[in-house]
């Protein structure tokens, strides 16, 4: 029964948040851009997450309406969170709450959704998603395989695996897992990094990586990391 009600809740929730976001744009300005030192300090101060409480918050806050019952997105418009590194999810929630991330209308919906979350709430949600199995990725794409394993030295593009792992499992600290990421979200994210509208990456690392990529290369990577067919 719960699974059947989520699409309805999702539409209602998204519409409500959209109206709220458009009716009253946050007056406060964004927090200063992250530096390695300030981000490290924030992650070191991250509370110990409680996955069971995170599961409860995931349900109470209707997170499932966009991100799936256990963080496995049921729509291509929103990212899957299942198996995501807790530090990354925590950082993303901080980015929204501090208005460091406002690249499009979808991110503004999240900005509205997280305003009442405490740091403990964010850590608990992050722990819940991290406790879920990471989806298998599709792989099998020669263009993407080269970028993942070798990068492109002629364009100063580093291999994706250097930070995100050969299996898209994520790296250290806030480096996210990419395996099982919904392709539409992946493409949108990479284009936002490429045009600079998403600028919450420390030291502009992802912006530097994405800038020389073509649409075809981004789409190839999206297909590579997409959930494997069941």
Protein backbone atom coordinates (compact mmCIF):
# COMPACT_ATOMS: atom_id res chain seq x y z
CA UNK A 1 0.00 0.00 0.00
CA UNK A 2 2.73 2.46 0.89
CA UNK A 3 4.51 1.96 -2.43
CA UNK A 4 1.29 2.76 -4.31
CA UNK A 5 0.76 6.02 -2.46
CA UNK A 6 4.23 7.46 -3.01
CA UNK A 7 3.64 8.74 -6.58
CA UNK A 8 0.61 10.69 -5.35
CA UNK A 9 2.46 11.97 -2.34
CA UNK A 10 5.41 12.83 -4.53
CA UNK A 11 3.34 14.94 -6.86
CA UNK A 12 1.62 16.69 -3.97
CA UNK A 13 4.83 17.22 -2.05
CA UNK A 14 6.75 18.47 -5.07
CA UNK A 15 3.96 20.84 -6.02
CA UNK A 16 3.73 22.20 -2.48
CA UNK A 17 7.46 22.68 -2.19
CA UNK A 18 7.60 24.27 -5.64
CA UNK A 19 4.91 26.79 -4.71
CA UNK A 20 6.66 27.53 -1.43
CA UNK A 21 10.00 28.00 -3.14
CA UNK A 22 8.57 30.32 -5.78
CA UNK A 23 6.42 32.25 -3.33
CA UNK A 24 9.25 33.14 -1.00
CA UNK A 25 12.80 32.86 -2.29
CA UNK A 26 15.18 32.62 0.66
CA UNK A 27 16.35 36.07 1.66
CA UNK A 28 19.63 34.90 3.15
CA UNK A 29 22.65 34.67 0.92
CA UNK A 30 24.58 31.48 0.36
CA UNK A 31 27.31 30.51 2.77
CA UNK A 32 30.90 31.04 1.59
CA UNK A 33 32.21 28.43 -0.83
CA UNK A 34 33.77 25.37 0.76
CA UNK A 35 37.50 25.22 1.18
CA UNK A 36 39.27 21.94 1.97
CA UNK A 37 39.70 23.14 5.55
CA UNK A 38 36.09 24.21 6.15
CA UNK A 39 34.69 21.06 4.56
CA UNK A 40 37.00 18.85 6.61
CA UNK A 41 35.89 20.68 9.72
CA UNK A 42 32.21 20.16 8.82
CA UNK A 43 32.70 16.45 8.15
CA UNK A 44 34.70 15.96 11.34
CA UNK A 45 31.82 17.59 13.25
CA UNK A 46 29.25 15.31 11.55
CA UNK A 47 27.26 13.51 14.28
CA UNK A 48 27.24 9.72 14.39
CA UNK A 49 24.27 8.68 12.30
CA UNK A 50 21.48 6.37 13.44
CA UNK A 51 20.25 4.39 10.42
CA UNK A 52 17.00 3.31 12.15
CA UNK A 53 16.10 6.88 13.01
CA UNK A 54 17.10 7.85 9.47
CA UNK A 55 14.65 5.29 8.13
CA UNK A 56 11.92 6.85 10.25
CA UNK A 57 12.78 10.35 9.01
CA UNK A 58 12.89 9.08 5.42
CA UNK A 59 9.27 7.97 5.86
CA UNK A 60 8.00 10.91 7.92
CA UNK A 61 9.50 13.52 5.61
CA UNK A 62 8.18 11.79 2.46
CA UNK A 63 11.71 11.41 1.07
CA UNK A 64 10.49 8.20 -0.54
CA UNK A 65 8.12 10.14 -2.78
CA UNK A 66 11.13 11.18 -4.88
CA UNK A 67 13.97 8.90 -3.80
CA UNK A 68 12.23 5.54 -3.40
CA UNK A 69 11.26 3.38 -0.45
CA UNK A 70 14.88 2.55 0.43
CA UNK A 71 16.63 5.29 -1.52
CA UNK A 72 16.34 3.54 -4.89
CA UNK A 73 14.80 6.25 -7.06
CA UNK A 74 11.74 5.13 -9.00
CA UNK A 75 11.92 8.07 -11.40
CA UNK A 76 14.69 9.21 -13.69
CA UNK A 77 14.34 12.80 -12.48
CA UNK A 78 15.74 12.24 -9.00
CA UNK A 79 18.96 10.59 -7.82
CA UNK A 80 19.14 7.21 -6.16
CA UNK A 81 20.57 7.42 -2.66
CA UNK A 82 20.79 3.71 -1.82
CA UNK A 83 24.35 2.78 -0.90
CA UNK A 84 25.52 6.37 -1.13
CA UNK A 85 28.42 7.36 1.10
CA UNK A 86 27.14 8.97 4.28
CA UNK A 87 29.66 11.82 4.11
CA UNK A 88 28.48 12.75 0.62
CA UNK A 89 24.78 12.72 1.52
CA UNK A 90 25.50 14.76 4.64
CA UNK A 91 27.48 17.30 2.60
CA UNK A 92 24.68 17.56 0.01
CA UNK A 93 22.10 18.24 2.71
CA UNK A 94 24.42 20.86 4.19
CA UNK A 95 24.86 22.38 0.72
CA UNK A 96 21.10 22.74 0.35
CA UNK A 97 20.56 24.05 3.87
CA UNK A 98 23.32 26.66 3.54
CA UNK A 99 22.24 27.58 -0.02
CA UNK A 100 25.57 26.55 -1.49
CA UNK A 101 23.64 24.50 -4.02
CA UNK A 102 20.87 26.25 -5.96
CA UNK A 103 21.57 25.40 -9.60
CA UNK A 104 17.99 24.75 -10.73
CA UNK A 105 14.37 24.51 -9.59
CA UNK A 106 14.82 20.94 -8.35
CA UNK A 107 17.64 21.99 -6.05
CA UNK A 108 15.46 24.83 -4.77
CA UNK A 109 12.81 22.26 -3.82
CA UNK A 110 15.45 20.50 -1.75
CA UNK A 111 16.54 23.80 -0.23
CA UNK A 112 12.97 24.22 1.05
CA UNK A 113 12.74 20.60 2.21
CA UNK A 114 15.85 20.66 4.43
CA UNK A 115 15.46 23.99 6.19
CA UNK A 116 14.09 22.43 9.40
CA UNK A 117 16.60 19.58 9.52
CA UNK A 118 19.16 19.56 12.30
CA UNK A 119 22.66 18.21 11.77
CA UNK A 120 21.70 15.03 13.64
CA UNK A 121 18.72 14.56 11.31
CA UNK A 122 20.97 14.90 8.28
CA UNK A 123 23.49 12.43 9.71
CA UNK A 124 20.71 9.93 10.47
CA UNK A 125 19.30 10.16 6.94
CA UNK A 126 22.79 9.76 5.51
CA UNK A 127 23.35 6.67 7.66
CA UNK A 128 20.09 5.10 6.47
CA UNK A 129 20.97 5.51 2.79
CA UNK A 130 24.53 4.30 3.35
CA UNK A 131 23.18 1.12 4.96
CA UNK A 132 21.27 0.14 1.80
CA UNK A 133 22.86 -2.02 -0.93
CA UNK A 134 24.56 -0.08 -3.70
CA UNK A 135 22.89 -0.91 -7.04
CA UNK A 136 24.90 -2.68 -9.71
CA UNK A 137 25.84 -0.48 -12.65
CA UNK A 138 25.34 -1.21 -16.32
CA UNK A 139 28.93 -0.73 -17.58
CA UNK A 140 29.87 -2.11 -21.00
CA UNK A 141 30.45 1.17 -22.80
CA UNK A 142 33.79 1.68 -24.57
CA UNK A 143 33.71 5.48 -24.59
CA UNK A 144 32.88 5.61 -20.90
CA UNK A 145 35.22 2.75 -20.03
CA UNK A 146 38.16 4.75 -21.35
CA UNK A 147 37.16 7.86 -19.40
CA UNK A 148 36.60 5.82 -16.25
CA UNK A 149 39.89 3.93 -16.41
CA UNK A 150 42.22 6.24 -18.35
CA UNK A 151 40.63 9.69 -18.54
CA UNK A 152 41.82 11.85 -21.42
CA UNK A 153 45.35 13.20 -20.96
CA UNK A 154 45.01 15.43 -24.03
CA UNK A 155 42.21 17.34 -22.30
CA UNK A 156 43.68 16.99 -18.79
CA UNK A 157 40.69 14.83 -17.80
CA UNK A 158 41.54 12.50 -14.94
CA UNK A 159 40.09 8.97 -14.77
CA UNK A 160 36.73 8.81 -13.01
CA UNK A 161 37.97 5.76 -11.10
CA UNK A 162 40.73 7.79 -9.47
CA UNK A 163 38.11 9.38 -7.21
CA UNK A 164 34.94 7.29 -7.60
CA UNK A 165 36.40 3.78 -7.77
CA UNK A 166 36.53 1.24 -10.60
CA UNK A 167 33.07 -0.03 -9.74
CA UNK A 168 31.59 3.40 -9.06
CA UNK A 169 31.55 2.62 -5.35
CA UNK A 170 32.81 6.03 -4.26
CA UNK A 171 36.03 7.15 -2.69
CA UNK A 172 37.07 8.76 0.57
CA UNK A 173 35.20 11.36 2.58
CA UNK A 174 32.60 13.20 0.47
CA UNK A 175 33.43 11.54 -2.87
CA UNK A 176 30.13 9.96 -3.98
CA UNK A 177 29.27 6.55 -5.32
CA UNK A 178 28.09 6.67 -8.94
CA UNK A 179 26.97 3.08 -9.49
CA UNK A 180 23.24 2.82 -10.13
CA UNK A 181 22.76 6.57 -10.60
CA UNK A 182 19.73 7.50 -12.66
CA UNK A 183 21.03 8.61 -16.09
CA UNK A 184 18.88 11.73 -16.51
CA UNK A 185 20.06 13.02 -13.15
CA UNK A 186 23.66 12.16 -14.01
CA UNK A 187 23.49 14.05 -17.34
CA UNK A 188 21.84 17.06 -15.73
CA UNK A 189 24.43 17.13 -12.94
CA UNK A 190 27.40 16.91 -15.30
CA UNK A 191 26.04 19.70 -17.48
CA UNK A 192 25.55 21.86 -14.42
CA UNK A 193 29.17 21.26 -13.45
CA UNK A 194 30.25 21.95 -17.03
CA UNK A 195 28.48 25.31 -17.25
CA UNK A 196 29.43 26.24 -13.67
CA UNK A 197 25.87 26.55 -12.34
CA UNK A 198 26.63 23.88 -9.77
CA UNK A 199 29.60 25.24 -7.89
CA UNK A 200 29.65 23.55 -4.48
CA UNK A 201 32.53 21.22 -5.40
CA UNK A 202 35.68 21.85 -3.40
CA UNK A 203 38.56 23.29 -5.45
CA UNK A 204 36.30 23.21 -8.55
CA UNK A 205 37.34 19.59 -9.13
CA UNK A 206 34.17 18.39 -10.85
CA UNK A 207 33.84 21.62 -12.81
CA UNK A 208 37.35 21.12 -14.16
CA UNK A 209 36.59 17.49 -15.04
CA UNK A 210 33.27 18.21 -16.76
CA UNK A 211 34.21 21.34 -18.69
CA UNK A 212 35.97 19.63 -21.66
CA UNK A 213 33.45 16.78 -21.98
CA UNK A 214 31.07 16.63 -24.94
CA UNK A 215 27.37 15.84 -24.61
CA UNK A 216 28.06 12.41 -26.12
CA UNK A 217 30.74 11.64 -23.53
CA UNK A 218 28.48 12.72 -20.67
CA UNK A 219 25.67 10.54 -22.00
CA UNK A 220 28.08 7.61 -22.37
CA UNK A 221 29.13 7.96 -18.73
CA UNK A 222 25.48 8.23 -17.67
CA UNK A 223 24.73 4.96 -19.47
CA UNK A 224 27.82 3.32 -17.95
CA UNK A 225 26.84 4.16 -14.37
CA UNK A 226 23.09 3.59 -14.90
CA UNK A 227 21.41 0.77 -12.93
CA UNK A 228 22.00 -2.66 -14.43
CA UNK A 229 18.96 -4.30 -15.99
CA UNK A 230 17.26 -6.74 -13.61
